[in-house]
N, C-alpha and C. Protein backbone atom coordinates (compact mmCIF):
# COMPACT_ATOMS: atom_id res chain seq x y z
N MET A 1 -33.29 6.65 22.66
CA MET A 1 -32.94 7.43 21.42
C MET A 1 -32.44 8.79 21.80
N THR A 2 -31.65 9.26 20.87
CA THR A 2 -31.13 10.68 21.37
C THR A 2 -31.72 11.61 20.16
N ALA A 3 -31.94 12.77 20.66
CA ALA A 3 -32.39 13.75 20.00
C ALA A 3 -31.37 14.90 20.20
N CYS A 4 -31.23 15.76 18.80
CA CYS A 4 -30.19 16.74 18.91
C CYS A 4 -30.51 17.80 17.80
N ALA A 5 -30.04 19.00 18.05
CA ALA A 5 -30.36 19.91 17.05
C ALA A 5 -29.05 20.66 16.62
N CYS A 6 -29.05 20.86 15.46
CA CYS A 6 -27.95 21.68 14.79
C CYS A 6 -28.71 23.13 14.89
N VAL A 7 -28.23 24.04 15.84
CA VAL A 7 -28.89 25.40 15.83
C VAL A 7 -27.71 26.34 15.11
N PHE A 8 -28.36 26.96 14.05
CA PHE A 8 -27.44 27.93 13.48
C PHE A 8 -28.14 29.44 13.79
N ASP A 9 -27.18 30.38 14.01
CA ASP A 9 -27.93 31.81 14.05
C ASP A 9 -27.70 32.32 12.91
N GLU A 10 -28.37 33.65 12.79
CA GLU A 10 -28.35 34.43 11.44
C GLU A 10 -27.15 34.71 10.92
N ALA A 11 -25.97 34.56 11.59
CA ALA A 11 -24.78 34.69 10.82
C ALA A 11 -24.16 33.42 10.41
N GLY A 12 -24.94 32.26 10.38
CA GLY A 12 -24.41 31.01 10.08
C GLY A 12 -23.70 30.34 11.06
N ALA A 13 -23.69 30.57 12.17
CA ALA A 13 -22.55 30.19 13.27
C ALA A 13 -23.58 28.94 14.04
N LEU A 14 -22.93 27.93 14.29
CA LEU A 14 -23.37 26.66 14.91
C LEU A 14 -23.14 26.91 16.58
N LEU A 15 -24.17 26.34 17.34
CA LEU A 15 -24.05 26.43 18.80
C LEU A 15 -23.73 25.02 19.08
N MET A 16 -22.70 25.04 19.82
CA MET A 16 -21.85 24.00 20.25
C MET A 16 -21.94 24.03 21.88
N ILE A 17 -21.90 22.91 22.57
CA ILE A 17 -21.27 22.62 24.07
C ILE A 17 -20.20 22.20 24.03
N ARG A 18 -19.45 22.41 25.21
CA ARG A 18 -18.47 21.55 25.53
C ARG A 18 -18.93 20.32 26.83
N ARG A 19 -18.80 19.38 26.40
CA ARG A 19 -19.26 18.31 27.15
C ARG A 19 -18.62 18.33 28.54
N ALA A 20 -19.50 18.37 29.65
CA ALA A 20 -18.93 18.29 31.33
C ALA A 20 -18.09 17.01 31.46
N ASP A 21 -18.53 16.09 30.77
CA ASP A 21 -17.84 14.57 31.17
C ASP A 21 -16.82 14.36 30.54
N THR A 22 -16.53 14.66 29.07
CA THR A 22 -15.57 14.39 28.32
C THR A 22 -14.62 15.63 28.05
N GLY A 23 -15.23 16.86 28.01
CA GLY A 23 -14.42 17.98 27.65
C GLY A 23 -14.53 18.21 26.02
N ALA A 24 -15.35 17.13 25.45
CA ALA A 24 -15.28 17.50 23.79
C ALA A 24 -16.28 18.29 23.51
N LEU A 25 -16.11 18.66 21.99
CA LEU A 25 -17.16 19.68 21.53
C LEU A 25 -18.33 18.74 21.22
N ASN A 26 -19.75 19.19 21.39
CA ASN A 26 -20.79 18.37 20.80
C ASN A 26 -21.99 19.25 20.67
N LEU A 27 -23.00 18.81 19.88
CA LEU A 27 -24.08 19.37 19.75
C LEU A 27 -24.84 19.31 21.05
N PRO A 28 -25.58 20.13 21.24
CA PRO A 28 -26.91 19.82 22.19
C PRO A 28 -27.56 18.70 21.95
N GLU A 29 -27.67 17.62 22.90
CA GLU A 29 -28.31 16.48 22.58
C GLU A 29 -28.95 15.56 24.04
N GLY A 30 -29.66 14.92 23.88
CA GLY A 30 -30.12 14.03 25.03
C GLY A 30 -31.40 13.15 24.58
N ALA A 31 -31.51 12.31 25.82
CA ALA A 31 -32.47 11.24 25.44
C ALA A 31 -33.89 11.95 25.30
N GLN A 32 -34.82 11.11 24.72
CA GLN A 32 -36.15 11.40 24.57
C GLN A 32 -36.82 11.02 25.99
N GLN A 33 -37.74 11.62 26.53
CA GLN A 33 -38.22 11.16 27.68
C GLN A 33 -39.75 10.75 27.58
N VAL A 34 -40.22 9.79 28.54
CA VAL A 34 -41.58 9.10 28.07
C VAL A 34 -42.46 10.50 28.11
N GLY A 35 -43.48 10.37 27.06
CA GLY A 35 -44.49 11.26 27.05
C GLY A 35 -44.35 12.45 26.32
N GLU A 36 -43.13 12.53 25.63
CA GLU A 36 -42.62 13.69 24.67
C GLU A 36 -42.15 13.18 23.24
N THR A 37 -42.50 14.14 22.27
CA THR A 37 -42.28 13.56 20.93
C THR A 37 -40.55 13.79 20.93
N VAL A 38 -40.14 13.37 20.01
CA VAL A 38 -38.70 13.58 19.50
C VAL A 38 -38.36 14.97 19.38
N GLY A 39 -39.18 15.87 18.85
CA GLY A 39 -38.84 17.02 18.52
C GLY A 39 -39.05 17.96 19.79
N HIS A 40 -39.93 17.73 20.72
CA HIS A 40 -39.79 18.26 21.78
C HIS A 40 -38.59 17.89 22.72
N ALA A 41 -37.94 16.67 22.45
CA ALA A 41 -36.85 16.23 23.28
C ALA A 41 -35.74 17.16 22.84
N ALA A 42 -35.73 17.46 21.59
CA ALA A 42 -34.47 18.15 21.22
C ALA A 42 -34.57 19.58 21.53
N VAL A 43 -35.87 20.22 21.64
CA VAL A 43 -36.03 21.53 22.14
C VAL A 43 -35.77 21.86 23.47
N ARG A 44 -35.96 20.52 24.16
CA ARG A 44 -35.92 20.45 25.86
C ARG A 44 -34.39 20.63 25.96
N GLU A 45 -33.74 19.41 25.27
CA GLU A 45 -32.43 19.45 25.55
C GLU A 45 -31.44 20.55 25.39
N VAL A 46 -31.77 21.20 24.37
CA VAL A 46 -31.15 22.56 24.04
C VAL A 46 -31.22 23.50 25.00
N LYS A 47 -32.32 23.88 25.44
CA LYS A 47 -32.88 24.68 26.37
C LYS A 47 -32.00 24.22 27.87
N GLU A 48 -31.90 23.02 28.12
CA GLU A 48 -31.28 22.41 29.28
C GLU A 48 -29.96 22.60 29.39
N GLU A 49 -29.25 22.37 28.10
CA GLU A 49 -27.81 22.28 28.19
C GLU A 49 -27.16 23.72 27.86
N THR A 50 -27.86 24.72 27.19
CA THR A 50 -27.51 26.05 26.94
C THR A 50 -28.19 27.18 27.12
N GLY A 51 -29.38 26.99 27.65
CA GLY A 51 -30.33 28.20 27.98
C GLY A 51 -30.93 28.66 26.85
N ILE A 52 -30.57 28.47 25.57
CA ILE A 52 -31.16 28.92 24.53
C ILE A 52 -32.69 28.16 23.86
N ASN A 53 -33.56 29.16 23.82
CA ASN A 53 -34.82 28.82 23.27
C ASN A 53 -34.50 28.50 21.65
N ILE A 54 -35.28 27.42 21.06
CA ILE A 54 -34.94 27.25 19.57
C ILE A 54 -36.50 26.71 18.82
N ALA A 55 -36.40 27.06 17.87
CA ALA A 55 -37.74 26.49 17.03
C ALA A 55 -36.80 25.73 16.00
N LEU A 56 -37.64 24.58 15.73
CA LEU A 56 -36.98 23.60 14.81
C LEU A 56 -37.61 23.84 13.32
N ALA A 57 -36.72 23.70 12.40
CA ALA A 57 -36.69 24.08 10.98
C ALA A 57 -36.78 23.08 9.91
N GLY A 58 -36.53 21.88 10.48
CA GLY A 58 -36.39 20.74 9.45
C GLY A 58 -35.64 19.52 9.99
N LEU A 59 -35.62 18.39 9.40
CA LEU A 59 -35.05 17.26 9.84
C LEU A 59 -33.68 17.07 9.14
N VAL A 60 -32.51 16.97 9.82
CA VAL A 60 -31.24 16.91 9.06
C VAL A 60 -31.24 15.27 8.74
N GLY A 61 -31.46 14.44 9.68
CA GLY A 61 -31.35 12.84 9.62
C GLY A 61 -31.50 12.18 10.87
N ILE A 62 -31.66 11.04 10.37
CA ILE A 62 -31.75 10.01 11.42
C ILE A 62 -30.74 8.90 11.38
N TYR A 63 -30.01 8.53 12.49
CA TYR A 63 -28.70 8.03 12.77
C TYR A 63 -28.67 6.84 13.37
N SER A 64 -28.29 5.67 12.87
CA SER A 64 -28.41 4.33 13.47
C SER A 64 -27.22 3.45 13.07
N ASP A 65 -26.07 3.92 12.96
CA ASP A 65 -25.13 3.13 12.44
C ASP A 65 -24.74 2.33 13.43
N PRO A 66 -24.86 0.46 13.08
CA PRO A 66 -24.25 -0.49 13.94
C PRO A 66 -23.20 -0.46 14.23
N ALA A 67 -22.23 0.06 13.52
CA ALA A 67 -20.51 0.12 14.01
C ALA A 67 -20.42 1.04 14.95
N TYR A 68 -21.19 2.01 15.13
CA TYR A 68 -20.79 2.92 16.16
C TYR A 68 -21.71 2.46 17.65
N VAL A 69 -20.79 2.15 18.56
CA VAL A 69 -21.19 1.80 19.67
C VAL A 69 -20.64 2.56 20.93
N MET A 70 -21.45 3.08 21.72
CA MET A 70 -21.07 3.59 22.99
C MET A 70 -21.01 2.98 24.13
N ALA A 71 -19.85 2.80 24.97
CA ALA A 71 -19.83 2.43 26.06
C ALA A 71 -19.70 3.42 27.26
N TYR A 72 -20.47 3.28 28.32
CA TYR A 72 -20.62 4.30 29.24
C TYR A 72 -20.09 3.83 30.53
N PRO A 73 -19.57 4.85 31.35
CA PRO A 73 -18.89 4.55 32.49
C PRO A 73 -19.58 3.58 33.49
N ASP A 74 -21.10 3.73 33.31
CA ASP A 74 -21.83 3.00 34.52
C ASP A 74 -22.10 1.62 33.88
N GLY A 75 -21.52 1.19 32.84
CA GLY A 75 -21.34 -0.30 32.31
C GLY A 75 -22.52 -0.43 31.02
N HIS A 76 -23.13 0.68 30.80
CA HIS A 76 -24.23 0.75 29.93
C HIS A 76 -23.52 0.59 28.41
N VAL A 77 -23.95 -0.14 27.36
CA VAL A 77 -23.24 -0.25 26.07
C VAL A 77 -24.52 0.18 25.09
N ARG A 78 -24.63 1.07 24.18
CA ARG A 78 -25.60 1.20 23.34
C ARG A 78 -25.09 1.42 22.05
N GLN A 79 -26.00 1.07 20.91
CA GLN A 79 -25.75 1.58 19.37
C GLN A 79 -26.39 2.85 19.36
N GLU A 80 -25.83 3.53 18.40
CA GLU A 80 -26.31 4.78 18.10
C GLU A 80 -27.59 4.54 17.39
N PHE A 81 -28.54 5.64 18.29
CA PHE A 81 -29.68 6.02 17.57
C PHE A 81 -30.20 7.01 17.64
N ALA A 82 -30.00 8.12 16.82
CA ALA A 82 -30.26 9.62 17.11
C ALA A 82 -31.18 10.40 16.00
N VAL A 83 -31.97 11.11 16.51
CA VAL A 83 -32.72 12.12 15.02
C VAL A 83 -32.18 13.56 15.56
N CYS A 84 -31.56 14.21 14.31
CA CYS A 84 -31.06 15.29 14.31
C CYS A 84 -31.76 16.33 13.77
N PHE A 85 -32.32 17.51 14.27
CA PHE A 85 -33.11 18.49 13.58
C PHE A 85 -31.89 19.66 13.14
N LEU A 86 -32.47 20.55 12.29
CA LEU A 86 -32.03 21.91 11.90
C LEU A 86 -33.24 22.78 12.87
N ALA A 87 -32.18 23.75 13.55
CA ALA A 87 -33.03 24.87 14.26
C ALA A 87 -32.44 26.14 14.13
N HIS A 88 -33.25 27.25 14.77
CA HIS A 88 -32.59 28.58 14.86
C HIS A 88 -32.97 29.02 16.51
N PRO A 89 -32.07 29.97 16.94
CA PRO A 89 -32.53 30.38 18.33
C PRO A 89 -33.63 31.36 18.22
N VAL A 90 -34.37 31.51 19.12
CA VAL A 90 -35.58 32.17 19.42
C VAL A 90 -35.65 32.85 20.75
N GLY A 91 -34.66 33.11 21.69
CA GLY A 91 -34.59 33.57 22.61
C GLY A 91 -33.91 32.87 23.74
N GLY A 92 -33.94 33.25 24.99
CA GLY A 92 -33.11 32.69 25.96
C GLY A 92 -31.85 33.28 26.17
N GLN A 93 -31.19 32.80 27.52
CA GLN A 93 -30.04 33.42 27.86
C GLN A 93 -29.14 32.36 27.97
N MET A 94 -27.78 32.47 27.13
CA MET A 94 -26.93 31.48 27.20
C MET A 94 -26.13 31.21 28.78
N ARG A 95 -26.07 29.89 29.08
CA ARG A 95 -25.71 29.56 30.31
C ARG A 95 -25.29 28.03 30.34
N VAL A 96 -24.09 27.69 31.13
CA VAL A 96 -23.62 26.30 31.28
C VAL A 96 -24.55 25.32 32.03
N SER A 97 -24.81 24.36 32.00
CA SER A 97 -25.31 23.34 32.87
C SER A 97 -24.51 22.23 33.54
N VAL A 98 -25.03 21.37 34.34
CA VAL A 98 -24.09 20.09 34.75
C VAL A 98 -23.90 19.38 33.62
N GLU A 99 -24.34 19.44 32.28
CA GLU A 99 -23.89 18.61 31.27
C GLU A 99 -22.84 19.41 30.26
N SER A 100 -22.89 20.83 30.49
CA SER A 100 -22.23 21.67 29.55
C SER A 100 -21.18 22.30 30.39
N SER A 101 -19.83 22.20 30.14
CA SER A 101 -19.00 23.08 30.64
C SER A 101 -18.71 24.21 30.31
N GLY A 102 -19.06 24.45 28.82
CA GLY A 102 -19.08 25.74 28.17
C GLY A 102 -19.81 25.59 27.08
N ILE A 103 -20.06 26.72 26.38
CA ILE A 103 -21.01 26.74 25.23
C ILE A 103 -20.57 27.96 24.17
N GLN A 104 -20.52 27.61 23.16
CA GLN A 104 -19.87 28.67 22.20
C GLN A 104 -20.84 28.67 20.86
N TRP A 105 -20.65 29.74 19.94
CA TRP A 105 -21.11 29.75 18.72
C TRP A 105 -19.98 29.81 17.49
N VAL A 106 -20.00 28.64 16.74
CA VAL A 106 -18.69 28.42 16.04
C VAL A 106 -19.15 28.91 14.52
N ALA A 107 -18.01 29.87 14.12
CA ALA A 107 -18.51 30.60 12.74
C ALA A 107 -18.46 29.54 11.73
N GLU A 108 -19.18 29.46 10.69
CA GLU A 108 -19.26 28.44 9.76
C GLU A 108 -18.00 28.29 9.10
N ALA A 109 -17.17 29.26 8.85
CA ALA A 109 -15.76 29.22 8.29
C ALA A 109 -14.91 28.23 9.18
N ASP A 110 -15.46 28.03 10.53
CA ASP A 110 -14.32 27.22 11.47
C ASP A 110 -14.99 25.94 11.59
N LEU A 111 -16.05 25.64 10.95
CA LEU A 111 -16.50 24.27 11.42
C LEU A 111 -15.74 23.06 10.86
N ASP A 112 -15.22 23.19 9.70
CA ASP A 112 -14.30 22.20 9.19
C ASP A 112 -12.87 21.78 9.97
N GLU A 113 -12.68 22.86 10.92
CA GLU A 113 -11.53 22.78 11.74
C GLU A 113 -11.50 22.35 13.03
N ILE A 114 -12.89 22.27 13.34
CA ILE A 114 -12.75 21.83 14.95
C ILE A 114 -12.89 20.27 15.04
N ASP A 115 -12.45 19.99 16.21
CA ASP A 115 -12.41 18.45 16.53
C ASP A 115 -13.58 18.00 17.13
N LEU A 116 -14.18 17.05 16.38
CA LEU A 116 -15.30 16.34 16.83
C LEU A 116 -15.48 15.01 16.58
N THR A 117 -16.11 14.29 17.22
CA THR A 117 -16.25 12.63 17.17
C THR A 117 -16.89 12.44 15.71
N ALA A 118 -16.83 11.29 15.11
CA ALA A 118 -17.21 10.93 13.90
C ALA A 118 -18.57 11.37 13.67
N PRO A 119 -19.34 10.63 14.63
CA PRO A 119 -21.08 10.89 14.42
C PRO A 119 -21.48 12.46 14.57
N ILE A 120 -20.61 13.06 15.38
CA ILE A 120 -21.21 14.55 15.45
C ILE A 120 -20.69 15.43 14.17
N ARG A 121 -19.61 15.01 13.67
CA ARG A 121 -19.04 15.51 12.62
C ARG A 121 -19.96 15.28 11.26
N LEU A 122 -20.35 13.97 11.26
CA LEU A 122 -21.29 13.62 10.13
C LEU A 122 -22.66 14.34 10.24
N ARG A 123 -23.30 14.84 11.56
CA ARG A 123 -24.34 15.36 11.68
C ARG A 123 -24.38 16.82 11.11
N VAL A 124 -23.18 17.24 11.66
CA VAL A 124 -22.71 18.81 11.34
C VAL A 124 -22.69 18.89 9.75
N GLU A 125 -22.04 17.99 9.23
CA GLU A 125 -21.63 18.09 7.70
C GLU A 125 -23.15 17.89 7.06
N HIS A 126 -23.91 16.88 7.56
CA HIS A 126 -25.41 16.88 6.87
C HIS A 126 -26.31 18.09 7.03
N SER A 127 -26.01 18.71 8.24
CA SER A 127 -26.63 20.03 8.38
C SER A 127 -26.44 21.12 7.44
N ARG A 128 -25.12 20.96 7.00
CA ARG A 128 -24.81 21.97 5.80
C ARG A 128 -25.17 21.68 4.41
N ASP A 129 -25.59 20.15 4.25
CA ASP A 129 -26.00 19.63 3.01
C ASP A 129 -27.22 19.63 2.72
N ARG A 130 -27.85 20.67 2.71
CA ARG A 130 -29.36 20.54 2.77
C ARG A 130 -30.18 19.96 1.59
N ALA A 131 -29.38 19.95 0.44
CA ALA A 131 -29.89 19.33 -0.57
C ALA A 131 -30.30 17.87 -0.48
N GLN A 132 -29.75 17.20 0.42
CA GLN A 132 -29.75 15.90 0.46
C GLN A 132 -30.82 15.32 1.65
N TRP A 133 -31.49 16.24 2.34
CA TRP A 133 -32.37 15.93 3.65
C TRP A 133 -33.19 15.03 3.37
N PRO A 134 -34.06 14.55 4.15
CA PRO A 134 -32.92 13.87 5.28
C PRO A 134 -32.04 13.07 4.86
N HIS A 135 -31.12 12.89 5.72
CA HIS A 135 -30.00 11.91 5.83
C HIS A 135 -30.66 10.77 6.48
N PHE A 136 -30.43 9.07 6.06
CA PHE A 136 -30.78 8.05 6.74
C PHE A 136 -29.32 7.24 6.84
N ARG A 137 -28.92 7.04 8.32
CA ARG A 137 -27.68 6.14 8.35
C ARG A 137 -27.94 5.15 9.20
């Protein structure tokens, strides 16, 4: 299971990483580890990939689209199953990691123009459509 977070700053900009493996813009995300809650996994993954500490503020949605299947270079194939949270930054120092070759805040006005995979685009759109929370897919 993947935990991710849509982290918005006070100006409404969204924290995005550039994946080290594909070069694609993405939300900070990663696998839940044994012994942690899905919320803790989202907080940990954001910290690991960006250096930013966050506070969770809500549940954007749960995503398990059977049509979205990911094939990894190591031969593993998985169906999407992700929990996405809304969060805001509470400290830390921005830095790249082995999983992120770049980190940036994307202004809200620019979110519709950036190139994202369909699942990430959906999560970003849902994070902005708070009247329908939580989303289930």
